[in-house]
Amino acid sequence: SVLCACGMLKGLNAVFTYFGWYSDASGIYILLNAIGDSIFYFFPIVIGYNMAKTIDMKNPYLGLLIGASICYPALNGMDVELFGKVINATYSSTVLPVILMVALAKPLETFFNKVIPEIVSNFLTPMFVMIITVILGFTTVGPIANAASAGMSDMILAVFGLSPILC
């Protein structure tokens, strides 16, 4: 329902500018456009939380935080050097990278909850899970997921080019 609401808001914003009720440079346009785009831009946060709940993570907010971490503006589209490897990726508005990262986080959370004493596991487990998951996700899982997504997209577009009805 929130996806529909944001889509409808973007549509209304386009209609209002088409009829000249305000311009695409006006403050109201920019504000409504930001509201409409927000769910799509920050979709990994929503997906991360829901994925964590779906796979029964003890702390589903880890999924939310993984999604937020990969949407962090300073990381998106910037050259980030990690372990001698330069990565330039954008994960905002994506689905597959965060799903795979949260799937990776689940066994890590289970492991750390077993080996870390309960008195400190409330903050150490999420810290270790986040460090490992986001670094591996950003350097390995994300690029593989983006390549797989691009491949699937190319395949669908090729089928569409041959036969839109079949697609």
Protein backbone atom coordinates (compact mmCIF):
# COMPACT_ATOMS: atom_id res chain seq x y z
CA SER A 1 0.00 0.00 0.00
CA VAL A 2 2.85 2.45 0.69
CA LEU A 3 4.42 1.52 -2.65
CA CYS A 4 1.15 2.38 -4.38
CA ALA A 5 0.81 5.60 -2.39
CA CYS A 6 4.28 6.75 -3.41
CA GLY A 7 3.67 5.81 -7.04
CA MET A 8 0.35 7.66 -7.06
CA LEU A 9 1.98 10.70 -5.49
CA LYS A 10 4.63 10.75 -8.21
CA GLY A 11 1.89 10.46 -10.83
CA LEU A 12 -0.10 13.33 -9.32
CA ASN A 13 3.03 15.44 -9.16
CA ALA A 14 3.60 14.83 -12.89
CA VAL A 15 -0.02 15.70 -13.69
CA PHE A 16 0.10 18.91 -11.64
CA THR A 17 3.26 20.06 -13.43
CA TYR A 18 1.79 19.09 -16.81
CA PHE A 19 -1.22 21.33 -16.19
CA GLY A 20 1.10 24.11 -15.04
CA TRP A 21 -0.19 24.28 -11.48
CA TYR A 22 3.44 24.44 -10.43
CA SER A 23 6.83 23.88 -12.04
CA ASP A 24 9.30 21.09 -11.54
CA ALA A 25 11.62 23.64 -9.93
CA SER A 26 9.10 24.68 -7.27
CA GLY A 27 9.47 23.74 -3.63
CA ILE A 28 6.20 21.80 -3.53
CA TYR A 29 7.25 19.72 -6.54
CA ILE A 30 10.61 18.91 -4.97
CA LEU A 31 8.98 18.00 -1.65
CA LEU A 32 6.29 15.79 -3.19
CA ASN A 33 8.86 14.19 -5.49
CA ALA A 34 11.06 13.38 -2.48
CA ILE A 35 8.12 11.84 -0.65
CA GLY A 36 7.23 9.76 -3.71
CA ASP A 37 10.83 8.67 -4.35
CA SER A 38 11.67 7.88 -0.74
CA ILE A 39 10.23 4.36 -0.65
CA PHE A 40 11.99 3.45 -3.87
CA TYR A 41 15.34 5.01 -2.94
CA PHE A 42 15.39 3.47 0.53
CA PHE A 43 13.79 0.20 -0.51
CA PRO A 44 16.75 -1.86 0.78
CA ILE A 45 15.85 -0.74 4.32
CA VAL A 46 12.29 -2.04 3.98
CA ILE A 47 13.45 -5.23 2.25
CA GLY A 48 16.20 -5.80 4.83
CA TYR A 49 13.81 -5.59 7.76
CA ASN A 50 11.19 -7.80 6.12
CA MET A 51 13.78 -10.35 5.03
CA ALA A 52 15.17 -10.51 8.58
CA LYS A 53 11.66 -11.13 9.94
CA THR A 54 10.96 -13.73 7.26
CA ILE A 55 14.05 -15.78 8.09
CA ASP A 56 13.43 -15.35 11.85
CA MET A 57 16.51 -13.39 12.81
CA LYS A 58 16.59 -12.79 16.54
CA ASN A 59 17.11 -9.08 15.88
CA PRO A 60 15.24 -8.05 12.68
CA TYR A 61 16.61 -4.54 13.06
CA LEU A 62 19.92 -5.95 11.82
CA GLY A 63 18.24 -6.40 8.43
CA LEU A 64 17.00 -2.83 8.57
CA LEU A 65 20.47 -1.59 9.44
CA ILE A 66 22.09 -3.61 6.66
CA GLY A 67 19.68 -1.97 4.21
CA ALA A 68 20.40 1.47 5.68
CA SER A 69 24.15 0.88 5.50
CA ILE A 70 24.11 0.08 1.81
CA CYS A 71 21.91 3.13 1.13
CA TYR A 72 24.29 5.45 2.98
CA PRO A 73 24.83 8.41 0.62
CA ALA A 74 28.62 8.60 1.05
CA LEU A 75 28.96 5.02 -0.21
CA ASN A 76 26.66 5.21 -3.21
CA GLY A 77 28.43 5.97 -6.45
CA MET A 78 31.69 6.79 -4.69
CA ASP A 79 35.02 5.05 -5.14
CA VAL A 80 35.59 3.21 -1.86
CA GLU A 81 38.84 1.35 -1.33
CA LEU A 82 38.58 -1.77 0.77
CA PHE A 83 41.50 -4.17 1.13
CA GLY A 84 43.23 -2.73 -1.94
CA LYS A 85 40.11 -3.13 -4.09
CA VAL A 86 38.29 -0.04 -5.37
CA ILE A 87 34.53 -0.46 -5.44
CA ASN A 88 32.08 1.93 -6.99
CA ALA A 89 28.54 0.68 -6.53
CA THR A 90 25.11 2.01 -5.83
CA TYR A 91 22.78 -0.20 -3.83
CA SER A 92 19.93 2.21 -3.16
CA SER A 93 16.74 1.15 -4.96
CA THR A 94 18.02 -2.42 -5.24
CA VAL A 95 16.46 -5.64 -3.95
CA LEU A 96 18.73 -8.63 -4.49
CA PRO A 97 21.89 -7.36 -2.72
CA VAL A 98 20.13 -6.71 0.58
CA ILE A 99 18.26 -10.03 0.45
CA LEU A 100 21.53 -11.91 0.04
CA MET A 101 23.28 -9.83 2.70
CA VAL A 102 20.55 -10.48 5.25
CA ALA A 103 20.66 -14.18 4.37
CA LEU A 104 24.39 -14.05 5.13
CA ALA A 105 23.74 -12.21 8.40
CA LYS A 106 21.39 -14.88 9.79
CA PRO A 107 24.01 -17.62 10.39
CA LEU A 108 26.47 -15.01 11.64
CA GLU A 109 23.94 -13.76 14.18
CA THR A 110 23.22 -17.33 15.29
CA PHE A 111 26.94 -18.08 15.64
CA PHE A 112 27.79 -14.93 17.59
CA ASN A 113 24.80 -15.36 19.89
CA LYS A 114 26.16 -18.82 20.79
CA VAL A 115 29.79 -17.83 21.41
CA ILE A 116 29.44 -14.36 22.96
CA PRO A 117 28.35 -14.17 26.60
CA GLU A 118 24.76 -13.03 26.96
CA ILE A 119 25.70 -10.03 29.10
CA VAL A 120 27.50 -8.38 26.15
CA SER A 121 25.86 -10.10 23.17
CA ASN A 122 23.18 -7.40 22.86
CA PHE A 123 25.73 -5.00 21.44
CA LEU A 124 28.67 -7.19 20.36
CA THR A 125 26.64 -9.57 18.19
CA PRO A 126 25.05 -6.80 16.07
CA MET A 127 28.41 -5.02 15.80
CA PHE A 128 30.25 -8.13 14.52
CA VAL A 129 27.37 -9.14 12.24
CA MET A 130 27.23 -5.65 10.71
CA ILE A 131 30.98 -5.37 10.21
CA ILE A 132 31.25 -8.74 8.48
CA THR A 133 27.99 -8.59 6.54
CA VAL A 134 28.29 -5.06 5.20
CA ILE A 135 31.96 -5.38 4.26
CA LEU A 136 31.40 -8.74 2.52
CA GLY A 137 28.16 -7.47 1.08
CA PHE A 138 29.67 -4.29 -0.29
CA THR A 139 32.78 -5.96 -1.70
CA THR A 140 31.50 -9.34 -2.88
CA VAL A 141 27.80 -10.11 -2.48
CA GLY A 142 26.55 -6.76 -3.83
CA PRO A 143 28.61 -6.74 -7.03
CA ILE A 144 27.64 -10.37 -7.75
CA ALA A 145 23.96 -9.59 -7.06
CA ASN A 146 24.07 -6.49 -9.27
CA ALA A 147 25.68 -8.50 -12.09
CA ALA A 148 23.03 -11.21 -11.72
CA SER A 149 20.28 -8.59 -11.73
CA ALA A 150 21.73 -6.95 -14.85
CA GLY A 151 21.91 -10.36 -16.54
CA MET A 152 18.28 -11.13 -15.70
CA SER A 153 17.26 -7.69 -16.94
CA ASP A 154 19.15 -8.18 -20.21
CA MET A 155 17.51 -11.57 -20.66
CA ILE A 156 14.02 -10.17 -20.07
CA LEU A 157 14.68 -7.28 -22.46
CA ALA A 158 15.93 -9.72 -25.11
CA VAL A 159 12.78 -11.83 -24.79
CA PHE A 160 10.71 -8.64 -24.90
CA GLY A 161 12.55 -7.63 -28.08
CA LEU A 162 11.67 -10.96 -29.70
CA SER A 163 8.09 -11.16 -28.49
CA PRO A 164 6.47 -8.67 -26.10
CA ILE A 165 3.50 -11.04 -25.74
CA LEU A 166 5.75 -13.93 -24.70
CA CYS A 167 7.56 -11.70 -22.25
